[in-house]
Amino acid sequence: MSTVRVRDERGAAERAFVAVSETLTGFDAETLYGTGLVGEYRALTAAEAGEDRYARFAGGDQGGPGHQGDPDGDPELTRAVVQLWYTGRWPGLAGGRGPYTVSVRAYAEGLVWRAVGVAAPGVSAPGFGSWTEPPAPADGAGR
């Protein structure tokens, strides 16, 4: 198989995973790709769930032509992927490995921090004396 075809298949699989992830997380593809973790999370999810289960979940090239993923058909895997994106932690699946944090980067890029508008605690310093300023309003407007 040529290198170009392998890249195209991997790209299609990642796009299918991102499409499902957009629906589940409420974040757009640009934000998800911006974490730099799409490929790692797709591979991790496929490995932990198994290719067949993953194909039913995410669809795309993994499920055959025209196949759409069905995350609602697998609540356990759906919850695991949502937790993965939001916390950088894989919660484990029944009969599989237990829970684990994927990496420091995964923790730092967790969508939970974007959702609440703060940096991940312990990852980046907000700056000396920053505690003297009130937090930004929840609507994202300036101070």
Protein backbone atom coordinates (compact mmCIF):
# COMPACT_ATOMS: atom_id res chain seq x y z
CA MET A 1 0.00 0.00 0.00
CA SER A 2 1.39 3.40 -0.88
CA THR A 3 2.29 6.01 1.71
CA VAL A 4 -0.25 8.44 0.24
CA ARG A 5 -3.08 5.92 0.61
CA VAL A 6 -2.12 5.16 4.21
CA ARG A 7 -2.12 8.91 5.00
CA ASP A 8 -5.51 9.34 3.29
CA GLU A 9 -7.01 6.46 5.27
CA ARG A 10 -5.60 7.78 8.53
CA GLY A 11 -6.89 11.24 7.64
CA ALA A 12 -10.37 9.91 6.89
CA ALA A 13 -10.41 7.95 10.14
CA GLU A 14 -9.33 11.04 12.07
CA ARG A 15 -11.97 13.19 10.34
CA ALA A 16 -14.66 10.65 11.27
CA PHE A 17 -13.43 10.64 14.88
CA VAL A 18 -13.44 14.45 14.96
CA ALA A 19 -16.97 14.56 13.53
CA VAL A 20 -18.23 12.33 16.35
CA SER A 21 -16.15 14.24 18.90
CA GLU A 22 -17.62 17.58 17.78
CA THR A 23 -21.10 16.26 18.48
CA LEU A 24 -20.13 14.79 21.84
CA THR A 25 -18.06 17.67 23.20
CA GLY A 26 -19.75 20.72 21.71
CA PHE A 27 -16.37 22.02 20.48
CA ASP A 28 -15.68 22.54 16.78
CA ALA A 29 -13.13 20.66 14.69
CA GLU A 30 -10.69 23.58 14.73
CA THR A 31 -10.57 23.53 18.53
CA LEU A 32 -10.20 19.75 18.66
CA TYR A 33 -7.39 19.74 16.08
CA GLY A 34 -5.83 22.67 17.94
CA THR A 35 -5.18 20.44 20.94
CA GLY A 36 -2.75 18.43 18.82
CA LEU A 37 -4.26 15.24 20.23
CA VAL A 38 -6.71 14.09 17.55
CA GLY A 39 -4.49 11.33 16.16
CA GLU A 40 -3.42 10.13 19.58
CA TYR A 41 -6.99 10.10 20.92
CA ARG A 42 -8.35 8.33 17.84
CA ALA A 43 -5.66 5.65 18.06
CA LEU A 44 -6.13 5.27 21.81
CA THR A 45 -9.90 4.95 21.48
CA ALA A 46 -9.62 2.37 18.68
CA ALA A 47 -7.03 0.36 20.63
CA GLU A 48 -8.96 0.44 23.90
CA ALA A 49 -12.35 -0.30 22.32
CA GLY A 50 -11.17 -2.69 19.62
CA GLU A 51 -11.44 -1.94 15.90
CA ASP A 52 -14.96 -3.41 15.43
CA ARG A 53 -16.46 -1.56 18.38
CA TYR A 54 -14.64 1.59 17.36
CA ALA A 55 -15.93 1.30 13.77
CA ARG A 56 -19.54 1.12 14.99
CA PHE A 57 -18.89 4.10 17.25
CA ALA A 58 -17.07 6.47 14.89
CA GLY A 59 -18.02 5.25 11.43
CA GLY A 60 -16.15 6.90 8.58
CA ASP A 61 -13.79 4.69 6.58
CA GLN A 62 -13.71 2.24 9.46
CA GLY A 63 -17.37 1.36 8.94
CA GLY A 64 -17.50 1.07 5.18
CA PRO A 65 -18.87 3.37 2.47
CA GLY A 66 -21.55 5.73 3.64
CA HIS A 67 -21.46 4.40 7.19
CA GLN A 68 -22.23 6.95 9.88
CA GLY A 69 -20.97 6.40 13.41
CA ASP A 70 -23.43 5.62 16.17
CA PRO A 71 -22.03 6.91 19.45
CA ASP A 72 -25.50 6.67 21.01
CA GLY A 73 -25.38 2.91 20.48
CA ASP A 74 -22.46 2.56 22.92
CA PRO A 75 -23.02 4.72 26.01
CA GLU A 76 -19.93 3.37 27.81
CA LEU A 77 -17.59 4.28 24.94
CA THR A 78 -19.37 7.61 24.45
CA ARG A 79 -18.78 8.54 28.09
CA ALA A 80 -15.15 7.42 27.83
CA VAL A 81 -14.47 9.61 24.78
CA VAL A 82 -16.14 12.63 26.37
CA GLN A 83 -14.07 12.15 29.52
CA LEU A 84 -10.94 11.72 27.42
CA TRP A 85 -11.47 15.02 25.60
CA TYR A 86 -12.48 16.98 28.67
CA THR A 87 -9.93 15.68 31.18
CA GLY A 88 -7.11 13.98 29.25
CA ARG A 89 -7.87 10.84 31.22
CA TRP A 90 -9.06 7.51 29.85
CA PRO A 91 -11.65 6.15 32.31
CA GLY A 92 -11.31 2.53 31.22
CA LEU A 93 -13.88 0.21 29.69
CA ALA A 94 -15.44 -2.91 31.18
CA GLY A 95 -13.02 -5.79 30.74
CA GLY A 96 -10.17 -3.52 29.66
CA ARG A 97 -7.39 -1.59 31.31
CA GLY A 98 -8.32 0.59 34.20
CA PRO A 99 -8.34 4.39 34.17
CA TYR A 100 -5.18 6.36 33.45
CA THR A 101 -4.08 9.88 32.55
CA VAL A 102 -2.89 9.86 28.93
CA SER A 103 -0.13 12.44 29.39
CA VAL A 104 0.68 15.79 30.95
CA ARG A 105 -0.12 17.39 27.60
CA ALA A 106 -3.51 15.66 27.47
CA TYR A 107 -4.30 17.00 30.95
CA ALA A 108 -3.18 20.51 29.97
CA GLU A 109 -5.23 20.45 26.74
CA GLY A 110 -8.37 19.11 28.45
CA LEU A 111 -11.47 20.84 27.15
CA VAL A 112 -12.68 21.40 30.70
CA TRP A 113 -10.14 24.22 31.06
CA ARG A 114 -11.37 25.91 27.88
CA ALA A 115 -14.97 25.47 28.98
CA VAL A 116 -14.36 27.32 32.25
CA GLY A 117 -11.88 29.80 30.75
CA VAL A 118 -8.81 29.03 32.86
CA ALA A 119 -5.40 27.46 32.37
CA ALA A 120 -4.96 23.94 33.69
CA PRO A 121 -3.80 24.14 37.31
CA GLY A 122 -0.15 23.33 37.79
CA VAL A 123 0.68 23.54 34.10
CA SER A 124 1.23 27.20 33.36
CA ALA A 125 1.68 30.04 35.76
CA PRO A 126 -0.88 32.83 35.35
CA GLY A 127 1.72 35.44 36.31
CA PHE A 128 2.94 37.07 39.48
CA GLY A 129 0.16 38.82 41.36
CA SER A 130 -2.54 37.61 38.99
CA TRP A 131 -4.61 36.58 42.00
CA THR A 132 -5.20 40.27 42.71
CA GLU A 133 -7.32 40.62 39.56
CA PRO A 134 -10.91 39.34 39.42
CA PRO A 135 -11.50 36.44 37.03
CA ALA A 136 -12.76 37.19 33.52
CA PRO A 137 -16.58 37.18 33.16
CA ALA A 138 -18.08 33.84 32.15
CA ASP A 139 -19.29 35.25 28.82
CA GLY A 140 -15.67 35.77 27.71
CA ALA A 141 -15.97 39.56 27.58
CA GLY A 142 -13.10 41.69 28.83
CA ARG A 143 -12.73 42.80 32.41
